Amino acid sequence: MVQHLGLSPRWMDHIPTGGASGVMALRRAARAVQMGDADIVACVAADTNQIDSFRQTLQGFSRFSQDATYPYGFGGPNATFALIADNFMREYGVSRDDFAKLCVAQRDNALSNPFALMKKPLTHDQYMQARPISDPIHLFDCVMPCAGAEAFIVTTPEKAQDLGLSTARLAATIERHNAFPEDPVQTRGGWARDIDDLWSAAGCGPQDMDMVQLYDDYPVIVAMQLADLGFCEKPELSRFIADNDFTISGSLPLNTNGGQLSAGQWRRRGFQNVTEGLRQILQTPLGDQVPDARRVLISGFGLVNYDRGICTGAAVLEKEVLR
């Protein structure tokens, strides 16, 4: 891409960590700017989606899957997350009704996003009655693969002022790889190991967030993050979900562009969490605006092998200057 655009950058990075790539790109670009290796960094991700793309994704899903599960006729993301979801539901008393509330709210949020793939409302009954894909995963637990692109800029306050750009401040960020390998089935991600550091560095807590933009390849991962990122304990998840409204005007707006579950998932995933969070606090959303949006928590989750995702990240962004 650099060659095609005729650029000659003095700093460059490539971050192949799946759905955690957006947060990690933000984190590493910020460090490069902070240390003087770069003045302005464009974090860019894009991908096409061919007719045969999903089959190819399954065929090369991961070496772990090819070695450990494919010989038994089992594999791919739906099967993997069916095991994770089934165990999580049994362990913590979370139900498909709880997942329905998350998915219905995200669909409601997507309706104001002109670029969302899903254009029709989703009801609780439609979610519950959808055909099974890999029990307990049903149709509306699954993302819609698509083509897409996202980008954002990381720079200094001075450079942003010179360019006339509105700015958000990166208050804190965390990154973790291969956390809790001793767990026989994934019930937590790397966020749980570093969450106290995140909130301490940010100088605020979950109660101070105006919205959350969480990686949402499946609703079970959204639920897992709500607990791991400090909004409640896992045994309290069902009550927490019941007590909150996750729509744009609700008590805890969630994935305000519809997230991957309703806006669509392109393969270089994890960037739309960052860009939608930025758009909301800079008051330039694709759809409806979260009222009085000042702070956002964003997250990433990626590189799933055959039984868990091994890369996680999160960041807190705060509105700084609107221009």
C-alpha atoms as a PDB file:
ATOM      1  CA  MET A   1       0.000   0.000   0.000  1.00  0.00           C
ATOM      2  CA  VAL A   2       2.853   2.370   0.822  1.00  0.00           C
ATOM      3  CA  GLN A   3       4.324   1.763  -2.635  1.00  0.00           C
ATOM      4  CA  HIS A   4       0.980   2.285  -4.377  1.00  0.00           C
ATOM      5  CA  LEU A   5       0.390   5.554  -2.530  1.00  0.00           C
ATOM      6  CA  GLY A   6       3.924   6.805  -3.081  1.00  0.00           C
ATOM      7  CA  LEU A   7       4.668   7.182   0.623  1.00  0.00           C
ATOM      8  CA  SER A   8       7.970   6.888   2.465  1.00  0.00           C
ATOM      9  CA  PRO A   9       7.133   6.553   6.173  1.00  0.00           C
ATOM     10  CA  ARG A  10       9.816   6.509   8.881  1.00  0.00           C
ATOM     11  CA  TRP A  11       7.737   4.184  11.069  1.00  0.00           C
ATOM     12  CA  MET A  12       5.432   1.332  10.120  1.00  0.00           C
ATOM     13  CA  ASP A  13       3.849  -1.675  11.803  1.00  0.00           C
ATOM     14  CA  HIS A  14       1.710  -4.655  10.832  1.00  0.00           C
ATOM     15  CA  ILE A  15      -0.586  -6.114  13.486  1.00  0.00           C
ATOM     16  CA  PRO A  16      -2.090  -9.510  12.573  1.00  0.00           C
ATOM     17  CA  THR A  17      -4.035 -10.124  15.798  1.00  0.00           C
ATOM     18  CA  GLY A  18      -7.525 -10.465  14.324  1.00  0.00           C
ATOM     19  CA  GLY A  19     -10.237  -8.702  16.287  1.00  0.00           C
ATOM     20  CA  ALA A  20      -7.735  -7.240  18.727  1.00  0.00           C
ATOM     21  CA  SER A  21      -5.864  -5.412  15.946  1.00  0.00           C
ATOM     22  CA  GLY A  22      -7.748  -2.128  16.214  1.00  0.00           C
ATOM     23  CA  VAL A  23      -6.998  -1.537  19.878  1.00  0.00           C
ATOM     24  CA  MET A  24      -3.417  -2.728  19.446  1.00  0.00           C
ATOM     25  CA  ALA A  25      -2.894  -0.442  16.446  1.00  0.00           C
ATOM     26  CA  LEU A  26      -4.107   2.476  18.547  1.00  0.00           C
ATOM     27  CA  ARG A  27      -1.866   1.464  21.440  1.00  0.00           C
ATOM     28  CA  ARG A  28       1.288   1.027  19.370  1.00  0.00           C
ATOM     29  CA  ALA A  29       0.738   4.106  17.238  1.00  0.00           C
ATOM     30  CA  ALA A  30       0.310   6.164  20.400  1.00  0.00           C
ATOM     31  CA  ARG A  31       3.573   4.800  21.762  1.00  0.00           C
ATOM     32  CA  ALA A  32       5.378   5.643  18.516  1.00  0.00           C
ATOM     33  CA  VAL A  33       4.097   9.217  18.638  1.00  0.00           C
ATOM     34  CA  GLN A  34       4.843   9.501  22.350  1.00  0.00           C
ATOM     35  CA  MET A  35       8.445   8.373  21.838  1.00  0.00           C
ATOM     36  CA  GLY A  36       9.030  10.608  18.815  1.00  0.00           C
ATOM     37  CA  ASP A  37       9.306   7.825  16.260  1.00  0.00           C
ATOM     38  CA  ALA A  38       6.405   9.399  14.338  1.00  0.00           C
ATOM     39  CA  ASP A  39       4.478  12.668  14.316  1.00  0.00           C
ATOM     40  CA  ILE A  40       1.300  11.359  12.763  1.00  0.00           C
ATOM     41  CA  VAL A  41       0.225   7.747  12.206  1.00  0.00           C
ATOM     42  CA  ALA A  42      -2.633   6.570  10.007  1.00  0.00           C
ATOM     43  CA  CYS A  43      -4.029   3.277  11.316  1.00  0.00           C
ATOM     44  CA  VAL A  44      -5.714   1.641   8.328  1.00  0.00           C
ATOM     45  CA  ALA A  45      -7.402  -1.708   7.789  1.00  0.00           C
ATOM     46  CA  ALA A  46      -9.477  -2.972   4.873  1.00  0.00           C
ATOM     47  CA  ASP A  47     -10.547  -6.179   3.213  1.00  0.00           C
ATOM     48  CA  THR A  48     -12.650  -7.529   0.383  1.00  0.00           C
ATOM     49  CA  ASN A  49     -15.147 -10.356   0.719  1.00  0.00           C
ATOM     50  CA  GLN A  50     -15.298 -12.743  -2.212  1.00  0.00           C
ATOM     51  CA  ILE A  51     -18.001 -15.346  -2.772  1.00  0.00           C
ATOM     52  CA  ASP A  52     -15.591 -18.046  -1.595  1.00  0.00           C
ATOM     53  CA  SER A  53     -14.020 -16.048   1.268  1.00  0.00           C
ATOM     54  CA  PHE A  54     -15.821 -17.740   4.159  1.00  0.00           C
ATOM     55  CA  ARG A  55     -15.072 -21.241   2.900  1.00  0.00           C
ATOM     56  CA  GLN A  56     -11.409 -20.298   2.618  1.00  0.00           C
ATOM     57  CA  THR A  57     -11.501 -18.870   6.131  1.00  0.00           C
ATOM     58  CA  LEU A  58     -12.827 -22.166   7.468  1.00  0.00           C
ATOM     59  CA  GLN A  59     -10.311 -24.192   5.489  1.00  0.00           C
ATOM     60  CA  GLY A  60      -7.387 -22.315   7.037  1.00  0.00           C
ATOM     61  CA  PHE A  61      -9.065 -21.259  10.272  1.00  0.00           C
ATOM     62  CA  SER A  62      -6.141 -22.227  12.486  1.00  0.00           C
ATOM     63  CA  ARG A  63      -3.453 -24.864  12.670  1.00  0.00           C
ATOM     64  CA  PHE A  64      -4.826 -25.869  16.076  1.00  0.00           C
ATOM     65  CA  SER A  65      -8.238 -26.607  14.530  1.00  0.00           C
ATOM     66  CA  GLN A  66      -6.736 -28.473  11.594  1.00  0.00           C
ATOM     67  CA  ASP A  67      -4.731 -30.709  13.921  1.00  0.00           C
ATOM     68  CA  ALA A  68      -7.106 -31.155  16.851  1.00  0.00           C
ATOM     69  CA  THR A  69     -10.712 -30.954  15.637  1.00  0.00           C
ATOM     70  CA  TYR A  70     -11.048 -31.111  11.856  1.00  0.00           C
ATOM     71  CA  PRO A  71     -10.150 -34.833  11.749  1.00  0.00           C
ATOM     72  CA  TYR A  72     -13.345 -35.397  13.772  1.00  0.00           C
ATOM     73  CA  GLY A  73     -15.518 -33.340  11.425  1.00  0.00           C
ATOM     74  CA  PHE A  74     -15.668 -30.411  13.854  1.00  0.00           C
ATOM     75  CA  GLY A  75     -14.294 -26.913  13.436  1.00  0.00           C
ATOM     76  CA  GLY A  76     -14.692 -23.321  12.403  1.00  0.00           C
ATOM     77  CA  PRO A  77     -15.816 -20.382  14.534  1.00  0.00           C
ATOM     78  CA  ASN A  78     -19.462 -21.415  15.010  1.00  0.00           C
ATOM     79  CA  ALA A  79     -18.518 -24.792  16.452  1.00  0.00           C
ATOM     80  CA  THR A  80     -15.765 -23.310  18.612  1.00  0.00           C
ATOM     81  CA  PHE A  81     -17.986 -20.640  20.106  1.00  0.00           C
ATOM     82  CA  ALA A  82     -20.821 -23.110  20.609  1.00  0.00           C
ATOM     83  CA  LEU A  83     -18.582 -24.935  23.088  1.00  0.00           C
ATOM     84  CA  ILE A  84     -17.556 -21.680  24.772  1.00  0.00           C
ATOM     85  CA  ALA A  85     -21.162 -20.435  24.943  1.00  0.00           C
ATOM     86  CA  ASP A  86     -22.579 -23.723  26.240  1.00  0.00           C
ATOM     87  CA  ASN A  87     -20.017 -23.919  29.041  1.00  0.00           C
ATOM     88  CA  PHE A  88     -20.398 -20.221  29.915  1.00  0.00           C
ATOM     89  CA  MET A  89     -24.186 -20.500  30.116  1.00  0.00           C
ATOM     90  CA  ARG A  90     -24.009 -23.546  32.384  1.00  0.00           C
ATOM     91  CA  GLU A  91     -21.285 -22.058  34.575  1.00  0.00           C
ATOM     92  CA  TYR A  92     -22.822 -18.627  35.180  1.00  0.00           C
ATOM     93  CA  GLY A  93     -26.559 -19.034  34.611  1.00  0.00           C
ATOM     94  CA  VAL A  94     -26.636 -16.891  31.469  1.00  0.00           C
ATOM     95  CA  SER A  95     -29.437 -17.747  29.047  1.00  0.00           C
ATOM     96  CA  ARG A  96     -30.359 -17.229  25.410  1.00  0.00           C
ATOM     97  CA  ASP A  97     -32.869 -14.655  26.686  1.00  0.00           C
ATOM     98  CA  ASP A  98     -29.905 -12.632  27.961  1.00  0.00           C
ATOM     99  CA  PHE A  99     -28.100 -12.924  24.640  1.00  0.00           C
ATOM    100  CA  ALA A 100     -31.342 -11.928  22.905  1.00  0.00           C
ATOM    101  CA  LYS A 101     -31.445  -8.625  24.761  1.00  0.00           C
ATOM    102  CA  LEU A 102     -27.911  -7.775  23.638  1.00  0.00           C
ATOM    103  CA  CYS A 103     -28.556  -8.720  20.008  1.00  0.00           C
ATOM    104  CA  VAL A 104     -31.922  -6.940  19.816  1.00  0.00           C
ATOM    105  CA  ALA A 105     -30.373  -3.753  21.248  1.00  0.00           C
ATOM    106  CA  GLN A 106     -27.506  -3.822  18.756  1.00  0.00           C
ATOM    107  CA  ARG A 107     -29.952  -4.305  15.895  1.00  0.00           C
ATOM    108  CA  ASP A 108     -31.911  -1.290  17.137  1.00  0.00           C
ATOM    109  CA  ASN A 109     -28.674   0.716  17.150  1.00  0.00           C
ATOM    110  CA  ALA A 110     -27.856  -0.415  13.610  1.00  0.00           C
ATOM    111  CA  LEU A 111     -31.078   0.974  12.180  1.00  0.00           C
ATOM    112  CA  SER A 112     -29.709   4.537  12.216  1.00  0.00           C
ATOM    113  CA  ASN A 113     -26.403   3.485  10.591  1.00  0.00           C
ATOM    114  CA  PRO A 114     -26.729   3.851   6.802  1.00  0.00           C
ATOM    115  CA  PHE A 115     -23.852   1.415   6.235  1.00  0.00           C
ATOM    116  CA  ALA A 116     -25.178  -1.407   8.445  1.00  0.00           C
ATOM    117  CA  LEU A 117     -25.977  -4.638   6.607  1.00  0.00           C
ATOM    118  CA  MET A 118     -29.020  -5.382   8.728  1.00  0.00           C
ATOM    119  CA  LYS A 119     -31.807  -2.917   7.885  1.00  0.00           C
ATOM    120  CA  LYS A 120     -34.805  -4.434   9.702  1.00  0.00           C
ATOM    121  CA  PRO A 121     -35.628  -4.538  13.427  1.00  0.00           C
ATOM    122  CA  LEU A 122     -35.007  -7.776  15.299  1.00  0.00           C
ATOM    123  CA  THR A 123     -37.526  -8.864  17.921  1.00  0.00           C
ATOM    124  CA  HIS A 124     -36.912 -11.042  20.950  1.00  0.00           C
ATOM    125  CA  ASP A 125     -39.178 -13.742  19.498  1.00  0.00           C
ATOM    126  CA  GLN A 126     -37.355 -13.696  16.162  1.00  0.00           C
ATOM    127  CA  TYR A 127     -34.057 -14.169  17.962  1.00  0.00           C
ATOM    128  CA  MET A 128     -35.365 -17.037  20.105  1.00  0.00           C
ATOM    129  CA  GLN A 129     -37.041 -18.830  17.197  1.00  0.00           C
ATOM    130  CA  ALA A 130     -34.110 -18.537  14.767  1.00  0.00           C
ATOM    131  CA  ARG A 131     -32.743 -21.773  13.376  1.00  0.00           C
ATOM    132  CA  PRO A 132     -29.867 -23.424  15.249  1.00  0.00           C
ATOM    133  CA  ILE A 133     -26.424 -23.315  13.681  1.00  0.00           C
ATOM    134  CA  SER A 134     -24.318 -25.144  16.276  1.00  0.00           C
ATOM    135  CA  ASP A 135     -26.245 -25.479  19.519  1.00  0.00           C
ATOM    136  CA  PRO A 136     -26.536 -23.200  21.500  1.00  0.00           C
ATOM    137  CA  ILE A 137     -25.449 -20.839  18.696  1.00  0.00           C
ATOM    138  CA  HIS A 138     -28.428 -19.796  16.567  1.00  0.00           C
ATOM    139  CA  LEU A 139     -28.684 -17.656  13.450  1.00  0.00           C
ATOM    140  CA  PHE A 140     -28.665 -14.220  15.066  1.00  0.00           C
ATOM    141  CA  ASP A 141     -25.694 -15.088  17.276  1.00  0.00           C
ATOM    142  CA  CYS A 142     -23.588 -15.137  14.102  1.00  0.00           C
ATOM    143  CA  VAL A 143     -22.021 -12.210  12.283  1.00  0.00           C
ATOM    144  CA  MET A 144     -22.485 -11.470   8.586  1.00  0.00           C
ATOM    145  CA  PRO A 145     -19.125 -11.497   6.734  1.00  0.00           C
ATOM    146  CA  CYS A 146     -18.678  -8.529   4.420  1.00  0.00           C
ATOM    147  CA  ALA A 147     -16.167  -6.206   2.779  1.00  0.00           C
ATOM    148  CA  GLY A 148     -15.151  -3.101   4.670  1.00  0.00           C
ATOM    149  CA  ALA A 149     -12.527  -0.570   5.663  1.00  0.00           C
ATOM    150  CA  GLU A 150     -11.828   1.683   8.646  1.00  0.00           C
ATOM    151  CA  ALA A 151      -9.082   4.153   9.550  1.00  0.00           C
ATOM    152  CA  PHE A 152      -8.157   6.618  12.261  1.00  0.00           C
ATOM    153  CA  ILE A 153      -5.267   8.993  12.966  1.00  0.00           C
ATOM    154  CA  VAL A 154      -2.975   9.113  16.007  1.00  0.00           C
ATOM    155  CA  THR A 155      -0.937  12.279  16.488  1.00  0.00           C
ATOM    156  CA  THR A 156       0.043  14.972  18.988  1.00  0.00           C
ATOM    157  CA  PRO A 157      -2.337  17.701  20.254  1.00  0.00           C
ATOM    158  CA  GLU A 158      -0.151  20.286  18.552  1.00  0.00           C
ATOM    159  CA  LYS A 159      -0.266  18.571  15.165  1.00  0.00           C
ATOM    160  CA  ALA A 160      -4.030  18.093  15.452  1.00  0.00           C
ATOM    161  CA  GLN A 161      -4.448  21.785  16.181  1.00  0.00           C
ATOM    162  CA  ASP A 162      -2.341  22.711  13.156  1.00  0.00           C
ATOM    163  CA  LEU A 163      -4.519  20.469  10.983  1.00  0.00           C
ATOM    164  CA  GLY A 164      -7.782  21.709  12.494  1.00  0.00           C
ATOM    165  CA  LEU A 165      -8.758  18.235  13.746  1.00  0.00           C
ATOM    166  CA  SER A 166     -11.024  17.446  16.667  1.00  0.00           C
ATOM    167  CA  THR A 167      -9.243  15.262  19.210  1.00  0.00           C
ATOM    168  CA  ALA A 168      -9.809  12.510  21.727  1.00  0.00           C
ATOM    169  CA  ARG A 169      -7.293  11.620  24.426  1.00  0.00           C
ATOM    170  CA  LEU A 170      -6.123   8.059  24.957  1.00  0.00           C
ATOM    171  CA  ALA A 171      -6.593   7.847  28.722  1.00  0.00           C
ATOM    172  CA  ALA A 172      -5.433   4.240  29.184  1.00  0.00           C
ATOM    173  CA  THR A 173      -4.929   1.012  27.295  1.00  0.00           C
ATOM    174  CA  ILE A 174      -4.119  -2.643  27.978  1.00  0.00           C
ATOM    175  CA  GLU A 175      -2.983  -5.587  25.864  1.00  0.00           C
ATOM    176  CA  ARG A 176      -2.583  -9.269  26.745  1.00  0.00           C
ATOM    177  CA  HIS A 177      -1.754 -12.474  24.871  1.00  0.00           C
ATOM    178  CA  ASN A 178      -2.416 -16.095  25.883  1.00  0.00           C
ATOM    179  CA  ALA A 179      -3.902 -15.282  29.282  1.00  0.00           C
ATOM    180  CA  PHE A 180      -5.152 -18.142  31.468  1.00  0.00           C
ATOM    181  CA  PRO A 181      -3.978 -21.072  29.300  1.00  0.00           C
ATOM    182  CA  GLU A 182      -4.703 -23.328  32.268  1.00  0.00           C
ATOM    183  CA  ASP A 183      -8.472 -22.855  31.880  1.00  0.00           C
ATOM    184  CA  PRO A 184      -9.904 -25.999  30.227  1.00  0.00           C
ATOM    185  CA  VAL A 185     -12.619 -23.927  28.525  1.00  0.00           C
ATOM    186  CA  GLN A 186     -12.470 -20.168  28.046  1.00  0.00           C
ATOM    187  CA  THR A 187     -14.608 -18.290  30.569  1.00  0.00           C
ATOM    188  CA  ARG A 188     -12.416 -15.173  30.787  1.00  0.00           C
ATOM    189  CA  GLY A 189     -10.084 -13.171  28.605  1.00  0.00           C
ATOM    190  CA  GLY A 190      -6.904 -11.217  29.166  1.00  0.00           C
ATOM    191  CA  TRP A 191      -8.963  -8.183  30.207  1.00  0.00           C
ATOM    192  CA  ALA A 192      -9.543  -9.856  33.582  1.00  0.00           C
ATOM    193  CA  ARG A 193      -5.801  -9.916  34.264  1.00  0.00           C
ATOM    194  CA  ASP A 194      -5.213  -6.226  33.511  1.00  0.00           C
ATOM    195  CA  ILE A 195      -8.506  -4.453  34.198  1.00  0.00           C
ATOM    196  CA  ASP A 196      -7.381  -2.852  37.472  1.00  0.00           C
ATOM    197  CA  ASP A 197      -4.402  -1.338  35.660  1.00  0.00           C
ATOM    198  CA  LEU A 198      -6.687   0.042  32.942  1.00  0.00           C
ATOM    199  CA  TRP A 199      -9.048   1.813  35.318  1.00  0.00           C
ATOM    200  CA  SER A 200      -6.225   3.037  37.548  1.00  0.00           C
ATOM    201  CA  ALA A 201      -4.376   4.587  34.604  1.00  0.00           C
ATOM    202  CA  ALA A 202      -7.573   6.116  33.214  1.00  0.00           C
ATOM    203  CA  GLY A 203      -8.483   7.698  36.533  1.00  0.00           C
ATOM    204  CA  CYS A 204     -12.101   6.598  36.190  1.00  0.00           C
ATOM    205  CA  GLY A 205     -14.184   3.435  36.314  1.00  0.00           C
ATOM    206  CA  PRO A 206     -16.901   1.488  34.483  1.00  0.00           C
ATOM    207  CA  GLN A 207     -19.565   3.705  36.010  1.00  0.00           C
ATOM    208  CA  ASP A 208     -18.030   6.715  34.220  1.00  0.00           C
ATOM    209  CA  MET A 209     -18.387   5.313  30.694  1.00  0.00           C
ATOM    210  CA  ASP A 210     -20.971   6.948  28.443  1.00  0.00           C
ATOM    211  CA  MET A 211     -20.957   3.917  26.134  1.00  0.00           C
ATOM    212  CA  VAL A 212     -19.031   0.709  25.383  1.00  0.00           C
ATOM    213  CA  GLN A 213     -17.820  -0.501  21.992  1.00  0.00           C
ATOM    214  CA  LEU A 214     -17.054  -4.181  22.623  1.00  0.00           C
ATOM    215  CA  TYR A 215     -15.795  -6.780  20.199  1.00  0.00           C
ATOM    216  CA  ASP A 216     -18.857  -8.866  19.350  1.00  0.00           C
ATOM    217  CA  ASP A 217     -18.188 -11.872  17.176  1.00  0.00           C
ATOM    218  CA  TYR A 218     -20.755 -13.708  19.342  1.00  0.00           C
ATOM    219  CA  PRO A 219     -22.954 -12.420  22.197  1.00  0.00           C
ATOM    220  CA  VAL A 220     -21.269 -14.745  24.683  1.00  0.00           C
ATOM    221  CA  ILE A 221     -18.046 -12.755  24.189  1.00  0.00           C
ATOM    222  CA  VAL A 222     -19.927  -9.502  24.813  1.00  0.00           C
ATOM    223  CA  ALA A 223     -21.260 -10.938  28.076  1.00  0.00           C
ATOM    224  CA  MET A 224     -17.809 -12.190  29.043  1.00  0.00           C
ATOM    225  CA  GLN A 225     -16.347  -8.737  28.495  1.00  0.00           C
ATOM    226  CA  LEU A 226     -19.019  -6.951  30.504  1.00  0.00           C
ATOM    227  CA  ALA A 227     -17.798  -8.952  33.491  1.00  0.00           C
ATOM    228  CA  ASP A 228     -14.066  -9.003  32.722  1.00  0.00           C
ATOM    229  CA  LEU A 229     -14.045  -5.240  32.117  1.00  0.00           C
ATOM    230  CA  GLY A 230     -15.559  -4.556  35.517  1.00  0.00           C
ATOM    231  CA  PHE A 231     -19.251  -3.815  34.988  1.00  0.00           C
ATOM    232  CA  CYS A 232     -20.408  -6.769  37.100  1.00  0.00           C
ATOM    233  CA  GLU A 233     -19.328 -10.176  38.375  1.00  0.00           C
ATOM    234  CA  LYS A 234     -20.036 -13.150  36.122  1.00  0.00           C
ATOM    235  CA  PRO A 235     -22.705 -14.716  38.396  1.00  0.00           C
ATOM    236  CA  GLU A 236     -24.512 -11.340  38.222  1.00  0.00           C
ATOM    237  CA  LEU A 237     -24.474 -11.089  34.410  1.00  0.00           C
ATOM    238  CA  SER A 238     -28.070 -12.129  33.843  1.00  0.00           C
ATOM    239  CA  ARG A 239     -29.359  -9.540  36.317  1.00  0.00           C
ATOM    240  CA  PHE A 240     -27.016  -6.859  34.957  1.00  0.00           C
ATOM    241  CA  ILE A 241     -28.231  -7.444  31.411  1.00  0.00           C
ATOM    242  CA  ALA A 242     -31.855  -7.363  32.552  1.00  0.00           C
ATOM    243  CA  ASP A 243     -31.352  -4.122  34.486  1.00  0.00           C
ATOM    244  CA  ASN A 244     -29.720  -2.150  31.656  1.00  0.00           C
ATOM    245  CA  ASP A 245     -30.800  -0.701  28.334  1.00  0.00           C
ATOM    246  CA  PHE A 246     -28.093  -1.148  25.681  1.00  0.00           C
ATOM    247  CA  THR A 247     -29.636   1.023  22.981  1.00  0.00           C
ATOM    248  CA  ILE A 248     -28.136   4.384  21.986  1.00  0.00           C
ATOM    249  CA  SER A 249     -30.400   6.310  24.378  1.00  0.00           C
ATOM    250  CA  GLY A 250     -30.200   3.685  27.133  1.00  0.00           C
ATOM    251  CA  SER A 251     -28.314   3.344  30.400  1.00  0.00           C
ATOM    252  CA  LEU A 252     -25.271   1.678  28.776  1.00  0.00           C
ATOM    253  CA  PRO A 253     -25.166   2.150  24.985  1.00  0.00           C
ATOM    254  CA  LEU A 254     -23.493  -0.895  23.415  1.00  0.00           C
ATOM    255  CA  ASN A 255     -21.925  -1.039  19.952  1.00  0.00           C
ATOM    256  CA  THR A 256     -23.779   2.005  18.755  1.00  0.00           C
ATOM    257  CA  ASN A 257     -23.280   1.381  15.026  1.00  0.00           C
ATOM    258  CA  GLY A 258     -24.851  -2.068  15.398  1.00  0.00           C
ATOM    259  CA  GLY A 259     -21.573  -3.873  16.003  1.00  0.00           C
ATOM    260  CA  GLN A 260     -20.473  -6.806  13.917  1.00  0.00           C
ATOM    261  CA  LEU A 261     -23.672  -8.686  14.748  1.00  0.00           C
ATOM    262  CA  SER A 262     -25.817  -6.148  12.884  1.00  0.00           C
ATOM    263  CA  ALA A 263     -23.501  -3.837  10.930  1.00  0.00           C
ATOM    264  CA  GLY A 264     -21.377  -6.686   9.536  1.00  0.00           C
ATOM    265  CA  GLN A 265     -17.958  -8.216  10.105  1.00  0.00           C
ATOM    266  CA  TRP A 266     -15.121  -7.709   7.660  1.00  0.00           C
ATOM    267  CA  ARG A 267     -12.032  -9.815   8.205  1.00  0.00           C
ATOM    268  CA  ARG A 268      -9.594  -7.151   9.476  1.00  0.00           C
ATOM    269  CA  ARG A 269     -11.901  -6.814  12.415  1.00  0.00           C
ATOM    270  CA  GLY A 270     -11.654  -4.790  15.574  1.00  0.00           C
ATOM    271  CA  PHE A 271     -11.208  -1.406  13.916  1.00  0.00           C
ATOM    272  CA  GLN A 272     -14.877  -0.443  13.897  1.00  0.00           C
ATOM    273  CA  ASN A 273     -14.922  -0.514  17.707  1.00  0.00           C
ATOM    274  CA  VAL A 274     -12.277   2.207  17.696  1.00  0.00           C
ATOM    275  CA  THR A 275     -13.721   4.325  14.897  1.00  0.00           C
ATOM    276  CA  GLU A 276     -17.294   4.211  16.217  1.00  0.00           C
ATOM    277  CA  GLY A 277     -16.099   5.171  19.706  1.00  0.00           C
ATOM    278  CA  LEU A 278     -14.160   8.084  18.234  1.00  0.00           C
ATOM    279  CA  ARG A 279     -17.072   9.201  16.069  1.00  0.00           C
ATOM    280  CA  GLN A 280     -19.412   9.264  19.042  1.00  0.00           C
ATOM    281  CA  ILE A 281     -17.227  11.302  21.397  1.00  0.00           C
ATOM    282  CA  LEU A 282     -16.199  13.642  18.546  1.00  0.00           C
ATOM    283  CA  GLN A 283     -19.892  14.056  17.652  1.00  0.00           C
ATOM    284  CA  THR A 284     -19.595  12.694  14.110  1.00  0.00           C
ATOM    285  CA  PRO A 285     -21.429   9.337  14.355  1.00  0.00           C
ATOM    286  CA  LEU A 286     -22.607   7.412  11.322  1.00  0.00           C
ATOM    287  CA  GLY A 287     -26.054   7.153  12.908  1.00  0.00           C
ATOM    288  CA  ASP A 288     -27.678   8.484  16.062  1.00  0.00           C
ATOM    289  CA  GLN A 289     -25.593  10.335  18.634  1.00  0.00           C
ATOM    290  CA  VAL A 290     -25.188   9.071  22.204  1.00  0.00           C
ATOM    291  CA  PRO A 291     -26.376  11.967  24.372  1.00  0.00           C
ATOM    292  CA  ASP A 292     -23.579  13.910  26.094  1.00  0.00           C
ATOM    293  CA  ALA A 293     -20.931  11.382  25.019  1.00  0.00           C
ATOM    294  CA  ARG A 294     -17.562  12.143  26.603  1.00  0.00           C
ATOM    295  CA  ARG A 295     -15.943   8.824  27.500  1.00  0.00           C
ATOM    296  CA  VAL A 296     -15.935   5.455  25.757  1.00  0.00           C
ATOM    297  CA  LEU A 297     -14.503   2.035  26.532  1.00  0.00           C
ATOM    298  CA  ILE A 298     -13.385   0.067  23.477  1.00  0.00           C
ATOM    299  CA  SER A 299     -12.139  -3.511  23.328  1.00  0.00           C
ATOM    300  CA  GLY A 300     -10.658  -6.128  21.037  1.00  0.00           C
ATOM    301  CA  PHE A 301     -10.571  -9.932  20.956  1.00  0.00           C
ATOM    302  CA  GLY A 302      -8.884 -12.102  18.366  1.00  0.00           C
ATOM    303  CA  LEU A 303      -6.787 -14.975  17.065  1.00  0.00           C
ATOM    304  CA  VAL A 304      -9.116 -17.823  17.948  1.00  0.00           C
ATOM    305  CA  ASN A 305      -7.522 -21.272  17.720  1.00  0.00           C
ATOM    306  CA  TYR A 306      -9.782 -24.282  18.327  1.00  0.00           C
ATOM    307  CA  ASP A 307     -10.991 -23.497  21.842  1.00  0.00           C
ATOM    308  CA  ARG A 308     -10.325 -19.843  22.748  1.00  0.00           C
ATOM    309  CA  GLY A 309      -9.274 -16.381  21.636  1.00  0.00           C
ATOM    310  CA  ILE A 310      -5.745 -15.587  22.760  1.00  0.00           C
ATOM    311  CA  CYS A 311      -5.354 -11.842  22.039  1.00  0.00           C
ATOM    312  CA  THR A 312      -7.245  -9.180  23.986  1.00  0.00           C
ATOM    313  CA  GLY A 313      -7.039  -5.434  24.409  1.00  0.00           C
ATOM    314  CA  ALA A 314      -9.015  -2.470  25.711  1.00  0.00           C
ATOM    315  CA  ALA A 315      -8.730   1.302  25.851  1.00  0.00           C
ATOM    316  CA  VAL A 316     -10.482   4.281  27.377  1.00  0.00           C
ATOM    317  CA  LEU A 317     -10.899   7.358  25.162  1.00  0.00           C
ATOM    318  CA  GLU A 318     -11.990  10.802  26.327  1.00  0.00           C
ATOM    319  CA  LYS A 319     -13.254  13.747  24.305  1.00  0.00           C
ATOM    320  CA  GLU A 320     -10.653  16.512  24.311  1.00  0.00           C
ATOM    321  CA  VAL A 321     -11.207  19.332  21.757  1.00  0.00           C
ATOM    322  CA  LEU A 322     -13.950  19.728  19.144  1.00  0.00           C
ATOM    323  CA  ARG A 323     -12.994  21.838  16.121  1.00  0.00           C
END
